Amino acid sequence: MNDFNRKLYGREWGESEYAEAPVHGNTQIYKGDLLFLDRIDGLRDKGTSSADYYIYPFSLVSGSTRTLESNKLLAGQNFIGVATWHSDSGVTENIGIHIDGLFRYPLKNSRTLRTSYKVVPAGSGVTCYNQRVATESGSSSLIGVVANSGKFQSEVEMSILTLFASETRYQI
């Protein structure tokens, strides 16, 4: 897999927030991966993990119910941001994370988009994708909001909503 720069605008266009967080040594992260913070027990390992406060890519979300819908919900509720660079497996280190900003991601399925549609994690089977999203109405797995509308879109430009977003930003 290649590293992708999903960020649309640099710091000069509008200030974006940036943070650093630790990556566990047995985890590989690519630039552009959607990341969750393991802050509650049961987010990984089919619900048997203990919170370790490391960051992981969405594909490692694995709650005890082991369904895609529950894993998407867990990913959305614990979404911390977008990886700014690559981290090899076998290295425990801090990496940069974009915690707000505008990003471009491929959609799981092409569709017509309207500004303010909800962007949620996408997946297959029971596994969430690290670098692909979907749009849904009425979902509580919210990770972003569509920023650019259009017909038959295969990508979405979205403003991300992370754990650092204020509660009022979630009222869509």
C-alpha atoms as a PDB file:
ATOM      1  CA  MET A   1       0.000   0.000   0.000  1.00  0.00           C
ATOM      2  CA  ASN A   2       1.246   3.498  -0.774  1.00  0.00           C
ATOM      3  CA  ASP A   3       1.160   6.584   1.391  1.00  0.00           C
ATOM      4  CA  PHE A   4      -1.452   9.055   0.184  1.00  0.00           C
ATOM      5  CA  ASN A   5      -1.676  12.703   1.080  1.00  0.00           C
ATOM      6  CA  ARG A   6      -5.419  13.070   1.587  1.00  0.00           C
ATOM      7  CA  LYS A   7      -5.168  16.651   2.887  1.00  0.00           C
ATOM      8  CA  LEU A   8      -6.631  19.196   0.487  1.00  0.00           C
ATOM      9  CA  TYR A   9      -5.315  22.450   1.826  1.00  0.00           C
ATOM     10  CA  GLY A  10      -2.054  23.427   3.467  1.00  0.00           C
ATOM     11  CA  ARG A  11      -1.601  25.576   6.513  1.00  0.00           C
ATOM     12  CA  GLU A  12      -1.522  28.798   4.492  1.00  0.00           C
ATOM     13  CA  TRP A  13      -5.124  28.352   3.283  1.00  0.00           C
ATOM     14  CA  GLY A  14      -6.567  27.887   6.729  1.00  0.00           C
ATOM     15  CA  GLU A  15      -4.911  26.829   9.917  1.00  0.00           C
ATOM     16  CA  SER A  16      -5.446  23.164  10.672  1.00  0.00           C
ATOM     17  CA  GLU A  17      -4.861  21.543  13.997  1.00  0.00           C
ATOM     18  CA  TYR A  18      -2.132  18.975  14.408  1.00  0.00           C
ATOM     19  CA  ALA A  19      -1.273  16.618  17.258  1.00  0.00           C
ATOM     20  CA  GLU A  20       1.115  13.779  17.976  1.00  0.00           C
ATOM     21  CA  ALA A  21       0.122  10.433  19.437  1.00  0.00           C
ATOM     22  CA  PRO A  22       1.897   7.118  20.104  1.00  0.00           C
ATOM     23  CA  VAL A  23       1.672   4.139  17.745  1.00  0.00           C
ATOM     24  CA  HIS A  24       2.075   0.655  19.235  1.00  0.00           C
ATOM     25  CA  GLY A  25       5.116  -1.196  17.901  1.00  0.00           C
ATOM     26  CA  ASN A  26       3.173  -4.030  16.248  1.00  0.00           C
ATOM     27  CA  THR A  27       1.052  -1.636  14.175  1.00  0.00           C
ATOM     28  CA  GLN A  28       1.703  -0.339  10.672  1.00  0.00           C
ATOM     29  CA  ILE A  29       0.179   3.005   9.735  1.00  0.00           C
ATOM     30  CA  TYR A  30       0.239   4.696   6.337  1.00  0.00           C
ATOM     31  CA  LYS A  31       0.010   8.399   5.623  1.00  0.00           C
ATOM     32  CA  GLY A  32      -3.676   9.223   5.132  1.00  0.00           C
ATOM     33  CA  ASP A  33      -5.014   6.381   7.333  1.00  0.00           C
ATOM     34  CA  LEU A  34      -8.100   7.156   9.393  1.00  0.00           C
ATOM     35  CA  LEU A  35      -7.117   6.536  13.024  1.00  0.00           C
ATOM     36  CA  PHE A  36      -8.888   5.738  16.283  1.00  0.00           C
ATOM     37  CA  LEU A  37      -7.653   6.225  19.835  1.00  0.00           C
ATOM     38  CA  ASP A  38      -7.846   3.050  21.935  1.00  0.00           C
ATOM     39  CA  ARG A  39      -9.313   4.823  24.947  1.00  0.00           C
ATOM     40  CA  ILE A  40     -11.902   2.284  26.153  1.00  0.00           C
ATOM     41  CA  ASP A  41     -11.735  -1.436  26.843  1.00  0.00           C
ATOM     42  CA  GLY A  42     -12.962  -3.739  24.086  1.00  0.00           C
ATOM     43  CA  LEU A  43     -12.138  -1.716  20.957  1.00  0.00           C
ATOM     44  CA  ARG A  44      -9.749  -4.306  19.492  1.00  0.00           C
ATOM     45  CA  ASP A  45      -9.170  -8.058  19.443  1.00  0.00           C
ATOM     46  CA  LYS A  46     -12.869  -8.987  19.136  1.00  0.00           C
ATOM     47  CA  GLY A  47     -13.708  -6.992  22.234  1.00  0.00           C
ATOM     48  CA  THR A  48     -11.051  -8.517  24.500  1.00  0.00           C
ATOM     49  CA  SER A  49      -8.532  -5.633  24.522  1.00  0.00           C
ATOM     50  CA  SER A  50      -7.801  -3.237  27.345  1.00  0.00           C
ATOM     51  CA  ALA A  51      -7.500   0.479  26.609  1.00  0.00           C
ATOM     52  CA  ASP A  52      -3.845   1.309  25.941  1.00  0.00           C
ATOM     53  CA  TYR A  53      -4.168   4.899  24.583  1.00  0.00           C
ATOM     54  CA  TYR A  54      -2.239   4.123  21.404  1.00  0.00           C
ATOM     55  CA  ILE A  55      -3.581   5.025  17.971  1.00  0.00           C
ATOM     56  CA  TYR A  56      -4.568   2.389  15.415  1.00  0.00           C
ATOM     57  CA  PRO A  57      -5.937   2.400  11.851  1.00  0.00           C
ATOM     58  CA  PHE A  58      -9.667   1.756  11.417  1.00  0.00           C
ATOM     59  CA  SER A  59      -9.036  -1.792  10.115  1.00  0.00           C
ATOM     60  CA  LEU A  60      -8.036  -2.861  13.647  1.00  0.00           C
ATOM     61  CA  VAL A  61     -11.354  -1.882  15.255  1.00  0.00           C
ATOM     62  CA  SER A  62     -12.897  -5.160  16.392  1.00  0.00           C
ATOM     63  CA  GLY A  63     -15.588  -4.989  19.048  1.00  0.00           C
ATOM     64  CA  SER A  64     -17.193  -7.933  20.804  1.00  0.00           C
ATOM     65  CA  THR A  65     -20.310  -8.006  18.577  1.00  0.00           C
ATOM     66  CA  ARG A  66     -18.095  -8.439  15.489  1.00  0.00           C
ATOM     67  CA  THR A  67     -20.372  -6.787  12.956  1.00  0.00           C
ATOM     68  CA  LEU A  68     -19.449  -4.103  10.472  1.00  0.00           C
ATOM     69  CA  GLU A  69     -22.092  -1.743  11.858  1.00  0.00           C
ATOM     70  CA  SER A  70     -20.832  -1.998  15.440  1.00  0.00           C
ATOM     71  CA  ASN A  71     -17.214  -1.615  14.297  1.00  0.00           C
ATOM     72  CA  LYS A  72     -18.142   1.486  12.243  1.00  0.00           C
ATOM     73  CA  LEU A  73     -19.835   2.933  15.326  1.00  0.00           C
ATOM     74  CA  LEU A  74     -16.760   2.237  17.485  1.00  0.00           C
ATOM     75  CA  ALA A  75     -14.464   3.759  14.837  1.00  0.00           C
ATOM     76  CA  GLY A  76     -16.620   6.897  14.585  1.00  0.00           C
ATOM     77  CA  GLN A  77     -16.917   7.369  18.338  1.00  0.00           C
ATOM     78  CA  ASN A  78     -13.140   7.062  18.808  1.00  0.00           C
ATOM     79  CA  PHE A  79     -11.954   8.809  15.617  1.00  0.00           C
ATOM     80  CA  ILE A  80      -8.893  10.887  16.483  1.00  0.00           C
ATOM     81  CA  GLY A  81      -7.719  12.034  13.043  1.00  0.00           C
ATOM     82  CA  VAL A  82      -5.721  11.365   9.871  1.00  0.00           C
ATOM     83  CA  ALA A  83      -2.125  10.089   9.877  1.00  0.00           C
ATOM     84  CA  THR A  84       0.342  12.691   8.591  1.00  0.00           C
ATOM     85  CA  TRP A  85       3.052  10.128   7.859  1.00  0.00           C
ATOM     86  CA  HIS A  86       3.962   6.449   7.783  1.00  0.00           C
ATOM     87  CA  SER A  87       4.898   4.303  10.797  1.00  0.00           C
ATOM     88  CA  ASP A  88       6.490   0.876  10.273  1.00  0.00           C
ATOM     89  CA  SER A  89       5.451  -2.162  12.254  1.00  0.00           C
ATOM     90  CA  GLY A  90       8.031  -2.963  14.910  1.00  0.00           C
ATOM     91  CA  VAL A  91       8.575   0.699  15.849  1.00  0.00           C
ATOM     92  CA  THR A  92       6.877   2.283  18.851  1.00  0.00           C
ATOM     93  CA  GLU A  93       6.885   6.007  18.127  1.00  0.00           C
ATOM     94  CA  ASN A  94       4.816   9.163  18.094  1.00  0.00           C
ATOM     95  CA  ILE A  95       3.402  10.226  14.739  1.00  0.00           C
ATOM     96  CA  GLY A  96       1.614  13.354  13.607  1.00  0.00           C
ATOM     97  CA  ILE A  97      -2.160  13.412  13.238  1.00  0.00           C
ATOM     98  CA  HIS A  98      -4.379  15.981  11.540  1.00  0.00           C
ATOM     99  CA  ILE A  99      -7.238  16.567  13.974  1.00  0.00           C
ATOM    100  CA  ASP A 100      -9.195  18.900  11.711  1.00  0.00           C
ATOM    101  CA  GLY A 101      -9.169  20.089   8.127  1.00  0.00           C
ATOM    102  CA  LEU A 102     -10.439  19.246   4.653  1.00  0.00           C
ATOM    103  CA  PHE A 103      -9.544  15.872   3.134  1.00  0.00           C
ATOM    104  CA  ARG A 104     -10.306  13.834   0.022  1.00  0.00           C
ATOM    105  CA  TYR A 105     -11.140  10.118   0.296  1.00  0.00           C
ATOM    106  CA  PRO A 106     -12.505   7.575  -2.158  1.00  0.00           C
ATOM    107  CA  LEU A 107     -16.083   6.474  -1.563  1.00  0.00           C
ATOM    108  CA  LYS A 108     -16.983   2.805  -1.185  1.00  0.00           C
ATOM    109  CA  ASN A 109     -19.706   3.335  -3.810  1.00  0.00           C
ATOM    110  CA  SER A 110     -20.139   6.244  -6.248  1.00  0.00           C
ATOM    111  CA  ARG A 111     -23.078   8.484  -5.459  1.00  0.00           C
ATOM    112  CA  THR A 112     -24.546  11.956  -5.650  1.00  0.00           C
ATOM    113  CA  LEU A 113     -23.300  14.144  -2.798  1.00  0.00           C
ATOM    114  CA  ARG A 114     -24.678  17.261  -1.214  1.00  0.00           C
ATOM    115  CA  THR A 115     -22.883  19.635   1.105  1.00  0.00           C
ATOM    116  CA  SER A 116     -23.484  18.662   4.748  1.00  0.00           C
ATOM    117  CA  TYR A 117     -24.166  14.948   4.081  1.00  0.00           C
ATOM    118  CA  LYS A 118     -22.683  12.772   6.829  1.00  0.00           C
ATOM    119  CA  VAL A 119     -19.433  10.896   6.133  1.00  0.00           C
ATOM    120  CA  VAL A 120     -18.961   7.602   7.996  1.00  0.00           C
ATOM    121  CA  PRO A 121     -16.413   4.772   8.033  1.00  0.00           C
ATOM    122  CA  ALA A 122     -16.814   2.211   5.248  1.00  0.00           C
ATOM    123  CA  GLY A 123     -15.920  -1.451   5.291  1.00  0.00           C
ATOM    124  CA  SER A 124     -16.469  -4.966   4.072  1.00  0.00           C
ATOM    125  CA  GLY A 125     -17.366  -8.082   6.047  1.00  0.00           C
ATOM    126  CA  VAL A 126     -16.652  -6.926   9.607  1.00  0.00           C
ATOM    127  CA  THR A 127     -13.558  -4.826   8.782  1.00  0.00           C
ATOM    128  CA  CYS A 128     -13.485  -1.039   8.442  1.00  0.00           C
ATOM    129  CA  TYR A 129     -11.330   0.449   5.685  1.00  0.00           C
ATOM    130  CA  ASN A 130      -8.367   2.659   6.559  1.00  0.00           C
ATOM    131  CA  GLN A 131      -8.670   4.945   3.525  1.00  0.00           C
ATOM    132  CA  ARG A 132     -12.197   4.651   2.127  1.00  0.00           C
ATOM    133  CA  VAL A 133     -15.424   6.180   3.425  1.00  0.00           C
ATOM    134  CA  ALA A 134     -19.185   6.186   2.795  1.00  0.00           C
ATOM    135  CA  THR A 135     -22.087   8.593   3.277  1.00  0.00           C
ATOM    136  CA  GLU A 136     -25.178   7.688   5.271  1.00  0.00           C
ATOM    137  CA  SER A 137     -28.134   9.517   6.702  1.00  0.00           C
ATOM    138  CA  GLY A 138     -29.100   8.974  10.309  1.00  0.00           C
ATOM    139  CA  SER A 139     -25.805   7.333  11.261  1.00  0.00           C
ATOM    140  CA  SER A 140     -24.087   7.921  14.584  1.00  0.00           C
ATOM    141  CA  SER A 141     -20.735   6.756  13.139  1.00  0.00           C
ATOM    142  CA  LEU A 142     -20.003  10.295  11.957  1.00  0.00           C
ATOM    143  CA  ILE A 143     -16.368  11.130  11.075  1.00  0.00           C
ATOM    144  CA  GLY A 144     -16.932  14.061   8.725  1.00  0.00           C
ATOM    145  CA  VAL A 145     -19.226  16.254   6.671  1.00  0.00           C
ATOM    146  CA  VAL A 146     -19.302  16.541   2.867  1.00  0.00           C
ATOM    147  CA  ALA A 147     -17.754  19.854   1.802  1.00  0.00           C
ATOM    148  CA  ASN A 148     -18.360  19.720  -1.974  1.00  0.00           C
ATOM    149  CA  SER A 149     -21.497  18.486  -3.754  1.00  0.00           C
ATOM    150  CA  GLY A 150     -21.805  16.803  -7.131  1.00  0.00           C
ATOM    151  CA  LYS A 151     -23.397  13.951  -9.091  1.00  0.00           C
ATOM    152  CA  PHE A 152     -21.882  10.468  -9.534  1.00  0.00           C
ATOM    153  CA  GLN A 153     -18.921  11.157  -7.250  1.00  0.00           C
ATOM    154  CA  SER A 154     -16.309   8.460  -6.582  1.00  0.00           C
ATOM    155  CA  GLU A 155     -14.457  10.649  -4.049  1.00  0.00           C
ATOM    156  CA  VAL A 156     -15.618  12.937  -1.288  1.00  0.00           C
ATOM    157  CA  GLU A 157     -14.114  16.169  -0.049  1.00  0.00           C
ATOM    158  CA  MET A 158     -14.906  16.244   3.639  1.00  0.00           C
ATOM    159  CA  SER A 159     -14.279  18.245   6.760  1.00  0.00           C
ATOM    160  CA  ILE A 160     -13.291  15.777   9.479  1.00  0.00           C
ATOM    161  CA  LEU A 161     -14.931  15.667  12.913  1.00  0.00           C
ATOM    162  CA  THR A 162     -12.674  14.064  15.509  1.00  0.00           C
ATOM    163  CA  LEU A 163     -12.692  13.547  19.274  1.00  0.00           C
ATOM    164  CA  PHE A 164     -11.320  17.085  19.489  1.00  0.00           C
ATOM    165  CA  ALA A 165     -14.357  18.642  17.771  1.00  0.00           C
ATOM    166  CA  SER A 166     -16.778  20.500  19.987  1.00  0.00           C
ATOM    167  CA  GLU A 167     -20.099  18.829  20.718  1.00  0.00           C
ATOM    168  CA  THR A 168     -21.948  21.511  18.734  1.00  0.00           C
ATOM    169  CA  ARG A 169     -20.187  20.432  15.531  1.00  0.00           C
ATOM    170  CA  TYR A 170     -21.878  17.039  15.817  1.00  0.00           C
ATOM    171  CA  GLN A 171     -25.368  18.565  15.687  1.00  0.00           C
ATOM    172  CA  ILE A 172     -25.978  18.069  11.956  1.00  0.00           C
END
